[in-house]
Amino acid sequence: MELFSKIEDAIAIVRYPKGVHKQVGMYHRGETVYIAHSGGYVRIVQRFGKETELMTAHPDIKVVDYDATNVVEERGVLKYKA
């Protein structure tokens, strides 16, 4: 079983409903990248078209920006590379 692991020195700025922004940690499970949310994790899905924000599995939560050395974007999808 693969567990969630914190990506060291990785941080994301997330936009929640009603214009609330928050700085959160980033995690991975295999190559899939997640953000911390409400005591759990939300998967970062992909960037659509020319969107500057990344969509998540939660329709109301968007990743505005991120900084992570071990995370790469492949065809709009974030992947963790050790």
C-alpha atoms as a PDB file:
ATOM      1  CA  MET A   1       0.000   0.000   0.000  1.00  0.00           C
ATOM      2  CA  GLU A   2       1.304   3.455  -0.903  1.00  0.00           C
ATOM      3  CA  LEU A   3       0.761   6.166   1.688  1.00  0.00           C
ATOM      4  CA  PHE A   4       0.644   9.938   1.245  1.00  0.00           C
ATOM      5  CA  SER A   5       4.091  11.504   1.599  1.00  0.00           C
ATOM      6  CA  LYS A   6       4.900  15.179   2.041  1.00  0.00           C
ATOM      7  CA  ILE A   7       6.910  16.696  -0.799  1.00  0.00           C
ATOM      8  CA  GLU A   8       9.680  18.520   1.046  1.00  0.00           C
ATOM      9  CA  ASP A   9       9.990  22.246   0.284  1.00  0.00           C
ATOM     10  CA  ALA A  10       6.849  22.132  -1.916  1.00  0.00           C
ATOM     11  CA  ILE A  11       4.120  24.709  -1.434  1.00  0.00           C
ATOM     12  CA  ALA A  12       0.941  25.656  -3.280  1.00  0.00           C
ATOM     13  CA  ILE A  13      -1.294  28.716  -3.216  1.00  0.00           C
ATOM     14  CA  VAL A  14      -4.893  27.563  -3.362  1.00  0.00           C
ATOM     15  CA  ARG A  15      -8.082  29.516  -4.106  1.00  0.00           C
ATOM     16  CA  TYR A  16     -11.191  28.434  -2.219  1.00  0.00           C
ATOM     17  CA  PRO A  17     -14.780  29.651  -2.703  1.00  0.00           C
ATOM     18  CA  LYS A  18     -15.596  33.293  -1.942  1.00  0.00           C
ATOM     19  CA  GLY A  19     -12.072  34.437  -2.864  1.00  0.00           C
ATOM     20  CA  VAL A  20     -10.236  32.857   0.063  1.00  0.00           C
ATOM     21  CA  HIS A  21      -6.586  32.035  -0.711  1.00  0.00           C
ATOM     22  CA  LYS A  22      -4.410  29.784   1.422  1.00  0.00           C
ATOM     23  CA  GLN A  23      -0.836  28.521   1.334  1.00  0.00           C
ATOM     24  CA  VAL A  24      -0.740  24.723   1.759  1.00  0.00           C
ATOM     25  CA  GLY A  25       1.684  21.820   1.598  1.00  0.00           C
ATOM     26  CA  MET A  26       1.913  19.418  -1.328  1.00  0.00           C
ATOM     27  CA  TYR A  27       1.909  15.630  -1.059  1.00  0.00           C
ATOM     28  CA  HIS A  28       2.266  12.673  -3.382  1.00  0.00           C
ATOM     29  CA  ARG A  29       1.111   9.097  -3.572  1.00  0.00           C
ATOM     30  CA  GLY A  30       3.180   7.475  -6.284  1.00  0.00           C
ATOM     31  CA  GLU A  31       3.426  10.063  -9.075  1.00  0.00           C
ATOM     32  CA  THR A  32       0.036  11.629  -8.281  1.00  0.00           C
ATOM     33  CA  VAL A  33       0.204  15.055  -6.611  1.00  0.00           C
ATOM     34  CA  TYR A  34      -2.200  16.270  -3.916  1.00  0.00           C
ATOM     35  CA  ILE A  35      -2.725  19.322  -1.712  1.00  0.00           C
ATOM     36  CA  ALA A  36      -3.676  19.256   1.948  1.00  0.00           C
ATOM     37  CA  HIS A  37      -7.341  20.130   2.625  1.00  0.00           C
ATOM     38  CA  SER A  38      -9.534  19.835   5.743  1.00  0.00           C
ATOM     39  CA  GLY A  39      -7.487  17.103   7.395  1.00  0.00           C
ATOM     40  CA  GLY A  40      -7.234  15.128   4.150  1.00  0.00           C
ATOM     41  CA  TYR A  41      -5.940  15.444   0.605  1.00  0.00           C
ATOM     42  CA  VAL A  42      -7.347  16.668  -2.720  1.00  0.00           C
ATOM     43  CA  ARG A  43      -5.837  15.444  -5.986  1.00  0.00           C
ATOM     44  CA  ILE A  44      -4.542  18.040  -8.417  1.00  0.00           C
ATOM     45  CA  VAL A  45      -6.149  17.033 -11.699  1.00  0.00           C
ATOM     46  CA  GLN A  46      -4.871  19.177 -14.597  1.00  0.00           C
ATOM     47  CA  ARG A  47      -4.673  22.523 -16.324  1.00  0.00           C
ATOM     48  CA  PHE A  48      -7.374  23.067 -18.944  1.00  0.00           C
ATOM     49  CA  GLY A  49      -6.509  24.929 -22.135  1.00  0.00           C
ATOM     50  CA  LYS A  50      -4.944  28.301 -21.424  1.00  0.00           C
ATOM     51  CA  GLU A  51      -6.138  28.345 -17.823  1.00  0.00           C
ATOM     52  CA  THR A  52      -3.531  29.664 -15.441  1.00  0.00           C
ATOM     53  CA  GLU A  53      -5.013  27.727 -12.514  1.00  0.00           C
ATOM     54  CA  LEU A  54      -4.824  23.984 -12.009  1.00  0.00           C
ATOM     55  CA  MET A  55      -8.082  22.162 -11.386  1.00  0.00           C
ATOM     56  CA  THR A  56      -8.481  19.730  -8.486  1.00  0.00           C
ATOM     57  CA  ALA A  57     -10.786  16.803  -7.817  1.00  0.00           C
ATOM     58  CA  HIS A  58     -12.885  19.257  -5.759  1.00  0.00           C
ATOM     59  CA  PRO A  59     -14.744  21.551  -8.200  1.00  0.00           C
ATOM     60  CA  ASP A  60     -14.508  24.640  -5.955  1.00  0.00           C
ATOM     61  CA  ILE A  61     -10.770  24.425  -5.196  1.00  0.00           C
ATOM     62  CA  LYS A  62      -8.122  25.646  -7.664  1.00  0.00           C
ATOM     63  CA  VAL A  63      -4.329  25.740  -7.422  1.00  0.00           C
ATOM     64  CA  VAL A  64      -3.265  29.279  -8.357  1.00  0.00           C
ATOM     65  CA  ASP A  65       0.498  28.668  -8.203  1.00  0.00           C
ATOM     66  CA  TYR A  66       3.007  26.223  -6.771  1.00  0.00           C
ATOM     67  CA  ASP A  67       6.720  25.802  -6.148  1.00  0.00           C
ATOM     68  CA  ALA A  68       8.173  22.307  -6.001  1.00  0.00           C
ATOM     69  CA  THR A  69      11.475  21.042  -7.348  1.00  0.00           C
ATOM     70  CA  ASN A  70      10.385  17.396  -7.682  1.00  0.00           C
ATOM     71  CA  VAL A  71       7.090  18.143  -9.431  1.00  0.00           C
ATOM     72  CA  VAL A  72       6.892  18.414 -13.220  1.00  0.00           C
ATOM     73  CA  GLU A  73       4.009  19.302 -15.494  1.00  0.00           C
ATOM     74  CA  GLU A  74       3.397  16.829 -18.313  1.00  0.00           C
ATOM     75  CA  ARG A  75       0.614  17.767 -20.745  1.00  0.00           C
ATOM     76  CA  GLY A  76      -1.085  19.893 -18.115  1.00  0.00           C
ATOM     77  CA  VAL A  77      -0.871  17.248 -15.363  1.00  0.00           C
ATOM     78  CA  LEU A  78       1.422  17.553 -12.325  1.00  0.00           C
ATOM     79  CA  LYS A  79       3.551  14.496 -11.550  1.00  0.00           C
ATOM     80  CA  TYR A  80       5.956  13.789  -8.716  1.00  0.00           C
ATOM     81  CA  LYS A  81       9.413  12.677  -9.838  1.00  0.00           C
ATOM     82  CA  ALA A  82      11.808  11.579  -7.086  1.00  0.00           C
END
